[in-house]
Amino acid sequence: MKRNDLILFGAIVIFGLAILLANAALQKPGATAEVVSGQTIIGTYELRNDCMVVIEGDGDARNVVEISDGVAKMMESNCPNGDCMSQRGISRAGQSLVCLPNKVLVRIEGAGDMLDSIVH
C-alpha cells in the first residue's frame, strides 16, 4: 500500500467513527416501550417503571419482555430459533426488538414522539 492509500483509509475510518459518535450523541433517550403482537397494540409501558409483560400470541406463541432500569429486553420466547432473546436491551428512541416467528415487536418512543392535533 502506498502512502496516499493509507491516508485515504485513515480518513474513512475517522469519518465513520465521527458518524457513529454523532448518532449516539443525537439519539434521544426513550420514555416508553410500545408492545405490539401481530397488528394489535398490547400496551405502552413507561421505561421508568419496572415490569414484566407477557405476550400470548397466535397458537402457543409466548414472549416475555422485561422492563427494568429504563431498558426493555426480551427475556423469554418459545420461537424456534430464539434470536430475539440474544438481542441487547433497548432504551433509546427509535430502537426496537423483534420476534418474527411470534410476530412480536417492542419499540421505544421518546417523550417528544407524540403527534400533535395538526398531524394526521
PDB file of N, CA and C in Angstrom:
ATOM      1  N   MET A   1       0.847  -1.190   0.000  1.00  0.00           N
ATOM      2  CA  MET A   1       0.000   0.000   0.000  1.00  0.00           C
ATOM      3  C   MET A   1       0.879   1.235   0.000  1.00  0.00           C
ATOM      4  N   LYS A   2       0.432   2.225  -0.727  1.00  0.00           N
ATOM      5  CA  LYS A   2       1.169   3.470  -0.807  1.00  0.00           C
ATOM      6  C   LYS A   2       0.707   4.431   0.280  1.00  0.00           C
ATOM      7  N   ARG A   3       1.466   5.475   0.428  1.00  0.00           N
ATOM      8  CA  ARG A   3       1.194   6.458   1.469  1.00  0.00           C
ATOM      9  C   ARG A   3      -0.195   7.077   1.313  1.00  0.00           C
ATOM     10  N   ASN A   4      -0.575   7.430   0.117  1.00  0.00           N
ATOM     11  CA  ASN A   4      -1.890   8.041  -0.121  1.00  0.00           C
ATOM     12  C   ASN A   4      -3.023   7.066   0.190  1.00  0.00           C
ATOM     13  N   ASP A   5      -2.816   5.769  -0.070  1.00  0.00           N
ATOM     14  CA  ASP A   5      -3.828   4.762   0.273  1.00  0.00           C
ATOM     15  C   ASP A   5      -4.044   4.711   1.779  1.00  0.00           C
ATOM     16  N   LEU A   6      -2.964   4.773   2.541  1.00  0.00           N
ATOM     17  CA  LEU A   6      -3.064   4.760   3.996  1.00  0.00           C
ATOM     18  C   LEU A   6      -3.779   6.006   4.519  1.00  0.00           C
ATOM     19  N   ILE A   7      -3.495   7.145   3.903  1.00  0.00           N
ATOM     20  CA  ILE A   7      -4.151   8.391   4.305  1.00  0.00           C
ATOM     21  C   ILE A   7      -5.646   8.302   4.017  1.00  0.00           C
ATOM     22  N   LEU A   8      -6.014   7.800   2.842  1.00  0.00           N
ATOM     23  CA  LEU A   8      -7.421   7.642   2.495  1.00  0.00           C
ATOM     24  C   LEU A   8      -8.113   6.668   3.444  1.00  0.00           C
ATOM     25  N   PHE A   9      -7.477   5.551   3.736  1.00  0.00           N
ATOM     26  CA  PHE A   9      -8.036   4.566   4.658  1.00  0.00           C
ATOM     27  C   PHE A   9      -8.255   5.177   6.033  1.00  0.00           C
ATOM     28  N   GLY A  10      -7.269   5.907   6.535  1.00  0.00           N
ATOM     29  CA  GLY A  10      -7.383   6.557   7.842  1.00  0.00           C
ATOM     30  C   GLY A  10      -8.505   7.588   7.867  1.00  0.00           C
ATOM     31  N   ALA A  11      -8.642   8.355   6.774  1.00  0.00           N
ATOM     32  CA  ALA A  11      -9.700   9.356   6.706  1.00  0.00           C
ATOM     33  C   ALA A  11     -11.079   8.699   6.723  1.00  0.00           C
ATOM     34  N   ILE A  12     -11.226   7.563   6.024  1.00  0.00           N
ATOM     35  CA  ILE A  12     -12.508   6.857   6.001  1.00  0.00           C
ATOM     36  C   ILE A  12     -12.846   6.318   7.389  1.00  0.00           C
ATOM     37  N   VAL A  13     -11.873   5.762   8.092  1.00  0.00           N
ATOM     38  CA  VAL A  13     -12.100   5.241   9.442  1.00  0.00           C
ATOM     39  C   VAL A  13     -12.494   6.371  10.395  1.00  0.00           C
ATOM     40  N   ILE A  14     -11.796   7.488  10.333  1.00  0.00           N
ATOM     41  CA  ILE A  14     -12.106   8.623  11.203  1.00  0.00           C
ATOM     42  C   ILE A  14     -13.502   9.169  10.894  1.00  0.00           C
ATOM     43  N   PHE A  15     -13.854   9.263   9.613  1.00  0.00           N
ATOM     44  CA  PHE A  15     -15.181   9.743   9.221  1.00  0.00           C
ATOM     45  C   PHE A  15     -16.265   8.797   9.743  1.00  0.00           C
ATOM     46  N   GLY A  16     -16.055   7.497   9.631  1.00  0.00           N
ATOM     47  CA  GLY A  16     -17.018   6.517  10.136  1.00  0.00           C
ATOM     48  C   GLY A  16     -17.205   6.619  11.639  1.00  0.00           C
ATOM     49  N   LEU A  17     -16.118   6.759  12.369  1.00  0.00           N
ATOM     50  CA  LEU A  17     -16.203   6.908  13.821  1.00  0.00           C
ATOM     51  C   LEU A  17     -16.929   8.197  14.210  1.00  0.00           C
ATOM     52  N   ALA A  18     -16.702   9.259  13.459  1.00  0.00           N
ATOM     53  CA  ALA A  18     -17.381  10.525  13.735  1.00  0.00           C
ATOM     54  C   ALA A  18     -18.886  10.388  13.544  1.00  0.00           C
ATOM     55  N   ILE A  19     -19.303   9.663  12.516  1.00  0.00           N
ATOM     56  CA  ILE A  19     -20.732   9.445  12.282  1.00  0.00           C
ATOM     57  C   ILE A  19     -21.339   8.630  13.418  1.00  0.00           C
ATOM     58  N   LEU A  20     -20.651   7.581  13.861  1.00  0.00           N
ATOM     59  CA  LEU A  20     -21.151   6.769  14.967  1.00  0.00           C
ATOM     60  C   LEU A  20     -21.295   7.589  16.249  1.00  0.00           C
ATOM     61  N   LEU A  21     -20.307   8.400  16.560  1.00  0.00           N
ATOM     62  CA  LEU A  21     -20.356   9.227  17.766  1.00  0.00           C
ATOM     63  C   LEU A  21     -21.462  10.277  17.673  1.00  0.00           C
ATOM     64  N   ALA A  22     -21.624  10.884  16.511  1.00  0.00           N
ATOM     65  CA  ALA A  22     -22.682  11.879  16.337  1.00  0.00           C
ATOM     66  C   ALA A  22     -24.055  11.236  16.488  1.00  0.00           C
ATOM     67  N   ASN A  23     -24.232  10.053  15.931  1.00  0.00           N
ATOM     68  CA  ASN A  23     -25.502   9.346  16.047  1.00  0.00           C
ATOM     69  C   ASN A  23     -25.820   9.027  17.509  1.00  0.00           C
ATOM     70  N   ALA A  24     -24.832   8.552  18.245  1.00  0.00           N
ATOM     71  CA  ALA A  24     -25.041   8.228  19.655  1.00  0.00           C
ATOM     72  C   ALA A  24     -25.356   9.485  20.470  1.00  0.00           C
ATOM     73  N   ALA A  25     -24.720  10.593  20.144  1.00  0.00           N
ATOM     74  CA  ALA A  25     -24.932  11.828  20.889  1.00  0.00           C
ATOM     75  C   ALA A  25     -26.292  12.454  20.589  1.00  0.00           C
ATOM     76  N   LEU A  26     -26.793  12.283  19.370  1.00  0.00           N
ATOM     77  CA  LEU A  26     -28.044  12.915  18.975  1.00  0.00           C
ATOM     78  C   LEU A  26     -29.282  12.066  19.261  1.00  0.00           C
ATOM     79  N   GLN A  27     -29.091  10.796  19.567  1.00  0.00           N
ATOM     80  CA  GLN A  27     -30.234   9.912  19.809  1.00  0.00           C
ATOM     81  C   GLN A  27     -30.858  10.234  21.162  1.00  0.00           C
ATOM     82  N   LYS A  28     -32.184  10.427  21.166  1.00  0.00           N
ATOM     83  CA  LYS A  28     -32.896  10.808  22.381  1.00  0.00           C
ATOM     84  C   LYS A  28     -33.111   9.593  23.276  1.00  0.00           C
ATOM     85  N   PRO A  29     -33.091   9.793  24.586  1.00  0.00           N
ATOM     86  CA  PRO A  29     -33.442   8.690  25.473  1.00  0.00           C
ATOM     87  C   PRO A  29     -34.924   8.357  25.317  1.00  0.00           C
ATOM     88  N   GLY A  30     -35.246   7.106  25.514  1.00  0.00           N
ATOM     89  CA  GLY A  30     -36.633   6.673  25.372  1.00  0.00           C
ATOM     90  C   GLY A  30     -37.449   6.964  26.615  1.00  0.00           C
ATOM     91  N   ALA A  31     -38.765   7.080  26.424  1.00  0.00           N
ATOM     92  CA  ALA A  31     -39.674   7.316  27.540  1.00  0.00           C
ATOM     93  C   ALA A  31     -40.612   6.130  27.732  1.00  0.00           C
ATOM     94  N   THR A  32     -41.042   5.524  26.602  1.00  0.00           N
ATOM     95  CA  THR A  32     -41.998   4.427  26.683  1.00  0.00           C
ATOM     96  C   THR A  32     -41.609   3.289  25.746  1.00  0.00           C
ATOM     97  N   ALA A  33     -42.100   2.101  26.073  1.00  0.00           N
ATOM     98  CA  ALA A  33     -41.945   0.926  25.216  1.00  0.00           C
ATOM     99  C   ALA A  33     -43.333   0.509  24.775  1.00  0.00           C
ATOM    100  N   GLU A  34     -43.555   0.481  23.473  1.00  0.00           N
ATOM    101  CA  GLU A  34     -44.835   0.035  22.932  1.00  0.00           C
ATOM    102  C   GLU A  34     -44.684  -1.418  22.491  1.00  0.00           C
ATOM    103  N   VAL A  35     -45.552  -2.281  22.985  1.00  0.00           N
ATOM    104  CA  VAL A  35     -45.505  -3.713  22.685  1.00  0.00           C
ATOM    105  C   VAL A  35     -46.639  -4.041  21.726  1.00  0.00           C
ATOM    106  N   VAL A  36     -46.287  -4.647  20.581  1.00  0.00           N
ATOM    107  CA  VAL A  36     -47.253  -4.975  19.541  1.00  0.00           C
ATOM    108  C   VAL A  36     -47.166  -6.463  19.247  1.00  0.00           C
ATOM    109  N   SER A  37     -48.318  -7.120  19.162  1.00  0.00           N
ATOM    110  CA  SER A  37     -48.391  -8.530  18.780  1.00  0.00           C
ATOM    111  C   SER A  37     -49.266  -8.621  17.536  1.00  0.00           C
ATOM    112  N   GLY A  38     -48.672  -9.023  16.413  1.00  0.00           N
ATOM    113  CA  GLY A  38     -49.396  -9.018  15.148  1.00  0.00           C
ATOM    114  C   GLY A  38     -49.748  -7.588  14.786  1.00  0.00           C
ATOM    115  N   GLN A  39     -51.028  -7.299  14.651  1.00  0.00           N
ATOM    116  CA  GLN A  39     -51.500  -5.944  14.357  1.00  0.00           C
ATOM    117  C   GLN A  39     -52.088  -5.257  15.588  1.00  0.00           C
ATOM    118  N   THR A  40     -51.993  -5.913  16.751  1.00  0.00           N
ATOM    119  CA  THR A  40     -52.635  -5.412  17.969  1.00  0.00           C
ATOM    120  C   THR A  40     -51.614  -4.807  18.924  1.00  0.00           C
ATOM    121  N   ILE A  41     -51.871  -3.586  19.371  1.00  0.00           N
ATOM    122  CA  ILE A  41     -51.018  -2.966  20.384  1.00  0.00           C
ATOM    123  C   ILE A  41     -51.419  -3.550  21.734  1.00  0.00           C
ATOM    124  N   ILE A  42     -50.490  -4.258  22.359  1.00  0.00           N
ATOM    125  CA  ILE A  42     -50.739  -4.869  23.668  1.00  0.00           C
ATOM    126  C   ILE A  42     -50.761  -3.805  24.753  1.00  0.00           C
ATOM    127  N   GLY A  43     -49.821  -2.868  24.668  1.00  0.00           N
ATOM    128  CA  GLY A  43     -49.774  -1.804  25.661  1.00  0.00           C
ATOM    129  C   GLY A  43     -48.558  -0.919  25.477  1.00  0.00           C
ATOM    130  N   THR A  44     -48.576   0.216  26.146  1.00  0.00           N
ATOM    131  CA  THR A  44     -47.457   1.140  26.168  1.00  0.00           C
ATOM    132  C   THR A  44     -47.014   1.281  27.615  1.00  0.00           C
ATOM    133  N   TYR A  45     -45.733   1.015  27.865  1.00  0.00           N
ATOM    134  CA  TYR A  45     -45.217   0.952  29.233  1.00  0.00           C
ATOM    135  C   TYR A  45     -44.093   1.970  29.403  1.00  0.00           C
ATOM    136  N   GLU A  46     -44.129   2.682  30.515  1.00  0.00           N
ATOM    137  CA  GLU A  46     -43.075   3.656  30.792  1.00  0.00           C
ATOM    138  C   GLU A  46     -41.806   2.933  31.188  1.00  0.00           C
ATOM    139  N   LEU A  47     -40.687   3.385  30.642  1.00  0.00           N
ATOM    140  CA  LEU A  47     -39.398   2.745  30.923  1.00  0.00           C
ATOM    141  C   LEU A  47     -38.948   2.983  32.366  1.00  0.00           C
ATOM    142  N   ARG A  48     -39.472   4.018  32.994  1.00  0.00           N
ATOM    143  CA  ARG A  48     -39.043   4.293  34.375  1.00  0.00           C
ATOM    144  C   ARG A  48     -39.698   3.349  35.383  1.00  0.00           C
ATOM    145  N   ASN A  49     -40.736   2.626  34.955  1.00  0.00           N
ATOM    146  CA  ASN A  49     -41.422   1.676  35.836  1.00  0.00           C
ATOM    147  C   ASN A  49     -41.032   0.251  35.460  1.00  0.00           C
ATOM    148  N   ASP A  50     -40.435  -0.475  36.388  1.00  0.00           N
ATOM    149  CA  ASP A  50     -40.041  -1.858  36.128  1.00  0.00           C
ATOM    150  C   ASP A  50     -41.267  -2.758  36.055  1.00  0.00           C
ATOM    151  N   CYS A  51     -41.289  -3.647  35.051  1.00  0.00           N
ATOM    152  CA  CYS A  51     -42.404  -4.589  34.926  1.00  0.00           C
ATOM    153  C   CYS A  51     -42.031  -5.729  33.984  1.00  0.00           C
ATOM    154  N   MET A  52     -42.849  -6.768  34.006  1.00  0.00           N
ATOM    155  CA  MET A  52     -42.729  -7.893  33.080  1.00  0.00           C
ATOM    156  C   MET A  52     -44.007  -7.913  32.249  1.00  0.00           C
ATOM    157  N   VAL A  53     -43.874  -8.028  30.931  1.00  0.00           N
ATOM    158  CA  VAL A  53     -45.021  -8.060  30.035  1.00  0.00           C
ATOM    159  C   VAL A  53     -45.049  -9.429  29.364  1.00  0.00           C
ATOM    160  N   VAL A  54     -46.124 -10.169  29.567  1.00  0.00           N
ATOM    161  CA  VAL A  54     -46.291 -11.484  28.952  1.00  0.00           C
ATOM    162  C   VAL A  54     -47.183 -11.312  27.732  1.00  0.00           C
ATOM    163  N   ILE A  55     -46.696 -11.757  26.571  1.00  0.00           N
ATOM    164  CA  ILE A  55     -47.438 -11.633  25.327  1.00  0.00           C
ATOM    165  C   ILE A  55     -47.826 -13.023  24.853  1.00  0.00           C
ATOM    166  N   GLU A  56     -49.124 -13.286  24.829  1.00  0.00           N
ATOM    167  CA  GLU A  56     -49.654 -14.550  24.318  1.00  0.00           C
ATOM    168  C   GLU A  56     -50.154 -14.283  22.910  1.00  0.00           C
ATOM    169  N   GLY A  57     -49.539 -14.924  21.908  1.00  0.00           N
ATOM    170  CA  GLY A  57     -49.912 -14.668  20.523  1.00  0.00           C
ATOM    171  C   GLY A  57     -50.718 -15.792  19.922  1.00  0.00           C
ATOM    172  N   ASP A  58     -50.671 -15.885  18.603  1.00  0.00           N
ATOM    173  CA  ASP A  58     -51.394 -16.925  17.864  1.00  0.00           C
ATOM    174  C   ASP A  58     -50.905 -18.311  18.273  1.00  0.00           C
ATOM    175  N   GLY A  59     -51.833 -19.236  18.405  1.00  0.00           N
ATOM    176  CA  GLY A  59     -51.462 -20.606  18.776  1.00  0.00           C
ATOM    177  C   GLY A  59     -50.833 -20.640  20.144  1.00  0.00           C
ATOM    178  N   ASP A  60     -49.635 -21.210  20.224  1.00  0.00           N
ATOM    179  CA  ASP A  60     -48.940 -21.289  21.512  1.00  0.00           C
ATOM    180  C   ASP A  60     -47.809 -20.271  21.621  1.00  0.00           C
ATOM    181  N   ALA A  61     -47.800 -19.244  20.750  1.00  0.00           N
ATOM    182  CA  ALA A  61     -46.743 -18.231  20.777  1.00  0.00           C
ATOM    183  C   ALA A  61     -46.761 -17.493  22.113  1.00  0.00           C
ATOM    184  N   ARG A  62     -45.562 -17.362  22.712  1.00  0.00           N
ATOM    185  CA  ARG A  62     -45.455 -16.710  24.021  1.00  0.00           C
ATOM    186  C   ARG A  62     -44.113 -16.000  24.115  1.00  0.00           C
ATOM    187  N   ASN A  63     -44.155 -14.737  24.502  1.00  0.00           N
ATOM    188  CA  ASN A  63     -42.955 -13.948  24.734  1.00  0.00           C
ATOM    189  C   ASN A  63     -43.085 -13.231  26.067  1.00  0.00           C
ATOM    190  N   VAL A  64     -41.948 -12.974  26.703  1.00  0.00           N
ATOM    191  CA  VAL A  64     -41.923 -12.197  27.939  1.00  0.00           C
ATOM    192  C   VAL A  64     -40.892 -11.085  27.759  1.00  0.00           C
ATOM    193  N   VAL A  65     -41.350  -9.843  27.932  1.00  0.00           N
ATOM    194  CA  VAL A  65     -40.482  -8.676  27.847  1.00  0.00           C
ATOM    195  C   VAL A  65     -40.310  -8.118  29.246  1.00  0.00           C
ATOM    196  N   GLU A  66     -39.061  -7.863  29.621  1.00  0.00           N
ATOM    197  CA  GLU A  66     -38.776  -7.263  30.929  1.00  0.00           C
ATOM    198  C   GLU A  66     -38.356  -5.817  30.722  1.00  0.00           C
ATOM    199  N   ILE A  67     -38.983  -4.927  31.479  1.00  0.00           N
ATOM    200  CA  ILE A  67     -38.579  -3.528  31.506  1.00  0.00           C
ATOM    201  C   ILE A  67     -38.003  -3.278  32.886  1.00  0.00           C
ATOM    202  N   SER A  68     -36.712  -2.971  32.912  1.00  0.00           N
ATOM    203  CA  SER A  68     -36.016  -2.803  34.173  1.00  0.00           C
ATOM    204  C   SER A  68     -34.905  -1.772  34.015  1.00  0.00           C
ATOM    205  N   ASP A  69     -34.804  -0.852  34.941  1.00  0.00           N
ATOM    206  CA  ASP A  69     -33.770   0.188  34.928  1.00  0.00           C
ATOM    207  C   ASP A  69     -33.741   0.968  33.623  1.00  0.00           C
ATOM    208  N   GLY A  70     -34.929   1.216  33.035  1.00  0.00           N
ATOM    209  CA  GLY A  70     -35.021   2.003  31.820  1.00  0.00           C
ATOM    210  C   GLY A  70     -34.661   1.262  30.546  1.00  0.00           C
ATOM    211  N   VAL A  71     -34.557  -0.071  30.619  1.00  0.00           N
ATOM    212  CA  VAL A  71     -34.175  -0.879  29.458  1.00  0.00           C
ATOM    213  C   VAL A  71     -35.208  -1.979  29.244  1.00  0.00           C
ATOM    214  N   ALA A  72     -35.618  -2.170  27.987  1.00  0.00           N
ATOM    215  CA  ALA A  72     -36.535  -3.258  27.632  1.00  0.00           C
ATOM    216  C   ALA A  72     -35.730  -4.381  26.982  1.00  0.00           C
ATOM    217  N   LYS A  73     -35.990  -5.621  27.414  1.00  0.00           N
ATOM    218  CA  LYS A  73     -35.251  -6.781  26.894  1.00  0.00           C
ATOM    219  C   LYS A  73     -36.194  -7.964  26.785  1.00  0.00           C
ATOM    220  N   MET A  74     -36.030  -8.745  25.718  1.00  0.00           N
ATOM    221  CA  MET A  74     -36.814  -9.961  25.532  1.00  0.00           C
ATOM    222  C   MET A  74     -36.188 -11.037  26.415  1.00  0.00           C
ATOM    223  N   MET A  75     -36.940 -11.502  27.417  1.00  0.00           N
ATOM    224  CA  MET A  75     -36.402 -12.471  28.371  1.00  0.00           C
ATOM    225  C   MET A  75     -36.748 -13.909  28.013  1.00  0.00           C
ATOM    226  N   GLU A  76     -37.942 -14.126  27.473  1.00  0.00           N
ATOM    227  CA  GLU A  76     -38.381 -15.483  27.118  1.00  0.00           C
ATOM    228  C   GLU A  76     -39.095 -15.444  25.782  1.00  0.00           C
ATOM    229  N   SER A  77     -38.950 -16.548  25.043  1.00  0.00           N
ATOM    230  CA  SER A  77     -39.692 -16.709  23.805  1.00  0.00           C
ATOM    231  C   SER A  77     -39.687 -18.185  23.446  1.00  0.00           C
ATOM    232  N   ASN A  78     -40.811 -18.670  22.958  1.00  0.00           N
ATOM    233  CA  ASN A  78     -40.847 -20.060  22.532  1.00  0.00           C
ATOM    234  C   ASN A  78     -40.736 -20.184  21.013  1.00  0.00           C
ATOM    235  N   CYS A  79     -40.175 -19.166  20.374  1.00  0.00           N
ATOM    236  CA  CYS A  79     -39.959 -19.231  18.930  1.00  0.00           C
ATOM    237  C   CYS A  79     -38.852 -20.251  18.634  1.00  0.00           C
ATOM    238  N   PRO A  80     -38.806 -20.774  17.420  1.00  0.00           N
ATOM    239  CA  PRO A  80     -37.879 -21.863  17.097  1.00  0.00           C
ATOM    240  C   PRO A  80     -36.394 -21.550  17.302  1.00  0.00           C
ATOM    241  N   ASN A  81     -35.940 -20.351  16.932  1.00  0.00           N
ATOM    242  CA  ASN A  81     -34.501 -20.080  16.996  1.00  0.00           C
ATOM    243  C   ASN A  81     -34.062 -19.217  18.167  1.00  0.00           C
ATOM    244  N   GLY A  82     -34.943 -18.462  18.782  1.00  0.00           N
ATOM    245  CA  GLY A  82     -34.610 -17.667  19.964  1.00  0.00           C
ATOM    246  C   GLY A  82     -33.699 -16.476  19.709  1.00  0.00           C
ATOM    247  N   ASP A  83     -33.604 -16.020  18.445  1.00  0.00           N
ATOM    248  CA  ASP A  83     -32.745 -14.878  18.144  1.00  0.00           C
ATOM    249  C   ASP A  83     -33.163 -13.614  18.888  1.00  0.00           C
ATOM    250  N   CYS A  84     -34.453 -13.457  19.137  1.00  0.00           N
ATOM    251  CA  CYS A  84     -34.938 -12.253  19.811  1.00  0.00           C
ATOM    252  C   CYS A  84     -34.374 -12.135  21.223  1.00  0.00           C
ATOM    253  N   MET A  85     -34.096 -13.256  21.859  1.00  0.00           N
ATOM    254  CA  MET A  85     -33.555 -13.208  23.222  1.00  0.00           C
ATOM    255  C   MET A  85     -32.074 -12.849  23.236  1.00  0.00           C
ATOM    256  N   SER A  86     -31.399 -12.990  22.095  1.00  0.00           N
ATOM    257  CA  SER A  86     -29.977 -12.643  22.054  1.00  0.00           C
ATOM    258  C   SER A  86     -29.756 -11.176  21.693  1.00  0.00           C
ATOM    259  N   GLN A  87     -30.832 -10.448  21.353  1.00  0.00           N
ATOM    260  CA  GLN A  87     -30.698  -9.021  21.080  1.00  0.00           C
ATOM    261  C   GLN A  87     -30.436  -8.281  22.391  1.00  0.00           C
ATOM    262  N   ARG A  88     -29.624  -7.262  22.339  1.00  0.00           N
ATOM    263  CA  ARG A  88     -29.351  -6.500  23.561  1.00  0.00           C
ATOM    264  C   ARG A  88     -30.547  -5.642  23.923  1.00  0.00           C
ATOM    265  N   GLY A  89     -30.602  -5.232  25.174  1.00  0.00           N
ATOM    266  CA  GLY A  89     -31.705  -4.403  25.642  1.00  0.00           C
ATOM    267  C   GLY A  89     -31.742  -3.063  24.926  1.00  0.00           C
ATOM    268  N   ILE A  90     -32.914  -2.472  24.856  1.00  0.00           N
ATOM    269  CA  ILE A  90     -33.085  -1.200  24.154  1.00  0.00           C
ATOM    270  C   ILE A  90     -33.603  -0.136  25.114  1.00  0.00           C
ATOM    271  N   SER A  91     -33.150   1.108  24.899  1.00  0.00           N
ATOM    272  CA  SER A  91     -33.570   2.189  25.782  1.00  0.00           C
ATOM    273  C   SER A  91     -33.633   3.543  25.085  1.00  0.00           C
ATOM    274  N   ARG A  92     -33.251   3.620  23.815  1.00  0.00           N
ATOM    275  CA  ARG A  92     -33.203   4.884  23.085  1.00  0.00           C
ATOM    276  C   ARG A  92     -34.344   4.977  22.084  1.00  0.00           C
ATOM    277  N   ALA A  93     -34.864   6.166  21.881  1.00  0.00           N
ATOM    278  CA  ALA A  93     -35.960   6.391  20.946  1.00  0.00           C
ATOM    279  C   ALA A  93     -35.586   5.872  19.560  1.00  0.00           C
ATOM    280  N   GLY A  94     -36.504   5.126  18.955  1.00  0.00           N
ATOM    281  CA  GLY A  94     -36.281   4.583  17.624  1.00  0.00           C
ATOM    282  C   GLY A  94     -35.766   3.162  17.600  1.00  0.00           C
ATOM    283  N   GLN A  95     -35.293   2.640  18.725  1.00  0.00           N
ATOM    284  CA  GLN A  95     -34.806   1.268  18.768  1.00  0.00           C
ATOM    285  C   GLN A  95     -35.977   0.295  18.861  1.00  0.00           C
ATOM    286  N   SER A  96     -35.743  -0.956  18.428  1.00  0.00           N
ATOM    287  CA  SER A  96     -36.810  -1.953  18.508  1.00  0.00           C
ATOM    288  C   SER A  96     -36.250  -3.348  18.713  1.00  0.00           C
ATOM    289  N   LEU A  97     -37.083  -4.200  19.303  1.00  0.00           N
ATOM    290  CA  LEU A  97     -36.837  -5.636  19.448  1.00  0.00           C
ATOM    291  C   LEU A  97     -37.892  -6.340  18.610  1.00  0.00           C
ATOM    292  N   VAL A  98     -37.502  -7.391  17.901  1.00  0.00           N
ATOM    293  CA  VAL A  98     -38.448  -8.081  17.038  1.00  0.00           C
ATOM    294  C   VAL A  98     -38.323  -9.583  17.221  1.00  0.00           C
ATOM    295  N   CYS A  99     -39.467 -10.254  17.338  1.00  0.00           N
ATOM    296  CA  CYS A  99     -39.531 -11.714  17.292  1.00  0.00           C
ATOM    297  C   CYS A  99     -40.435 -12.048  16.103  1.00  0.00           C
ATOM    298  N   LEU A 100     -39.819 -12.297  14.949  1.00  0.00           N
ATOM    299  CA  LEU A 100     -40.598 -12.530  13.731  1.00  0.00           C
ATOM    300  C   LEU A 100     -41.491 -13.765  13.791  1.00  0.00           C
ATOM    301  N   PRO A 101     -40.988 -14.914  14.267  1.00  0.00           N
ATOM    302  CA  PRO A 101     -41.869 -16.087  14.271  1.00  0.00           C
ATOM    303  C   PRO A 101     -43.139 -15.882  15.094  1.00  0.00           C
ATOM    304  N   ASN A 102     -43.039 -15.166  16.211  1.00  0.00           N
ATOM    305  CA  ASN A 102     -44.203 -14.935  17.077  1.00  0.00           C
ATOM    306  C   ASN A 102     -44.909 -13.616  16.774  1.00  0.00           C
ATOM    307  N   LYS A 103     -44.402 -12.863  15.789  1.00  0.00           N
ATOM    308  CA  LYS A 103     -44.996 -11.586  15.369  1.00  0.00           C
ATOM    309  C   LYS A 103     -45.094 -10.586  16.515  1.00  0.00           C
ATOM    310  N   VAL A 104     -43.998 -10.441  17.265  1.00  0.00           N
ATOM    311  CA  VAL A 104     -43.955  -9.508  18.399  1.00  0.00           C
ATOM    312  C   VAL A 104     -42.942  -8.409  18.101  1.00  0.00           C
ATOM    313  N   LEU A 105     -43.345  -7.172  18.380  1.00  0.00           N
ATOM    314  CA  LEU A 105     -42.487  -6.013  18.189  1.00  0.00           C
ATOM    315  C   LEU A 105     -42.522  -5.169  19.449  1.00  0.00           C
ATOM    316  N   VAL A 106     -41.350  -4.749  19.914  1.00  0.00           N
ATOM    317  CA  VAL A 106     -41.244  -3.804  21.031  1.00  0.00           C
ATOM    318  C   VAL A 106     -40.471  -2.620  20.495  1.00  0.00           C
ATOM    319  N   ARG A 107     -41.065  -1.429  20.518  1.00  0.00           N
ATOM    320  CA  ARG A 107     -40.366  -0.249  20.016  1.00  0.00           C
ATOM    321  C   ARG A 107     -40.344   0.834  21.085  1.00  0.00           C
ATOM    322  N   ILE A 108     -39.234   1.541  21.114  1.00  0.00           N
ATOM    323  CA  ILE A 108     -39.028   2.605  22.101  1.00  0.00           C
ATOM    324  C   ILE A 108     -39.402   3.936  21.466  1.00  0.00           C
ATOM    325  N   GLU A 109     -40.164   4.715  22.205  1.00  0.00           N
ATOM    326  CA  GLU A 109     -40.548   6.042  21.762  1.00  0.00           C
ATOM    327  C   GLU A 109     -40.047   7.058  22.773  1.00  0.00           C
ATOM    328  N   GLY A 110     -39.610   8.205  22.278  1.00  0.00           N
ATOM    329  CA  GLY A 110     -39.136   9.276  23.150  1.00  0.00           C
ATOM    330  C   GLY A 110     -40.290  10.092  23.684  1.00  0.00           C
ATOM    331  N   ALA A 111     -39.990  10.960  24.634  1.00  0.00           N
ATOM    332  CA  ALA A 111     -41.027  11.779  25.255  1.00  0.00           C
ATOM    333  C   ALA A 111     -41.663  12.719  24.260  1.00  0.00           C
ATOM    334  N   GLY A 112     -40.931  13.173  23.262  1.00  0.00           N
ATOM    335  CA  GLY A 112     -41.461  14.117  22.286  1.00  0.00           C
ATOM    336  C   GLY A 112     -41.990  13.471  21.029  1.00  0.00           C
ATOM    337  N   ASP A 113     -42.204  12.147  21.017  1.00  0.00           N
ATOM    338  CA  ASP A 113     -42.649  11.462  19.817  1.00  0.00           C
ATOM    339  C   ASP A 113     -44.152  11.510  19.619  1.00  0.00           C
ATOM    340  N   MET A 114     -44.904  12.068  20.551  1.00  0.00           N
ATOM    341  CA  MET A 114     -46.351  12.130  20.413  1.00  0.00           C
ATOM    342  C   MET A 114     -46.713  13.095  19.304  1.00  0.00           C
ATOM    343  N   LEU A 115     -47.672  12.732  18.478  1.00  0.00           N
ATOM    344  CA  LEU A 115     -48.128  13.594  17.388  1.00  0.00           C
ATOM    345  C   LEU A 115     -49.110  14.628  17.922  1.00  0.00           C
ATOM    346  N   ASP A 116     -49.039  15.851  17.386  1.00  0.00           N
ATOM    347  CA  ASP A 116     -49.996  16.854  17.816  1.00  0.00           C
ATOM    348  C   ASP A 116     -51.254  16.769  16.947  1.00  0.00           C
ATOM    349  N   SER A 117     -52.233  17.605  17.210  1.00  0.00           N
ATOM    350  CA  SER A 117     -53.524  17.522  16.536  1.00  0.00           C
ATOM    351  C   SER A 117     -53.457  17.953  15.076  1.00  0.00           C
ATOM    352  N   ILE A 118     -52.388  18.614  14.654  1.00  0.00           N
ATOM    353  CA  ILE A 118     -52.261  19.069  13.266  1.00  0.00           C
ATOM    354  C   ILE A 118     -51.842  17.928  12.355  1.00  0.00           C
ATOM    355  N   VAL A 119     -51.016  17.026  12.851  1.00  0.00           N
ATOM    356  CA  VAL A 119     -50.514  15.919  12.045  1.00  0.00           C
ATOM    357  C   VAL A 119     -51.580  14.850  11.925  1.00  0.00           C
ATOM    358  N   HIS A 120     -51.813  14.354  10.723  1.00  0.00           N
ATOM    359  CA  HIS A 120     -52.817  13.305  10.505  1.00  0.00           C
ATOM    360  C   HIS A 120     -52.150  12.047  10.068  1.00  0.00           C
TER     361      HIS A 120
END
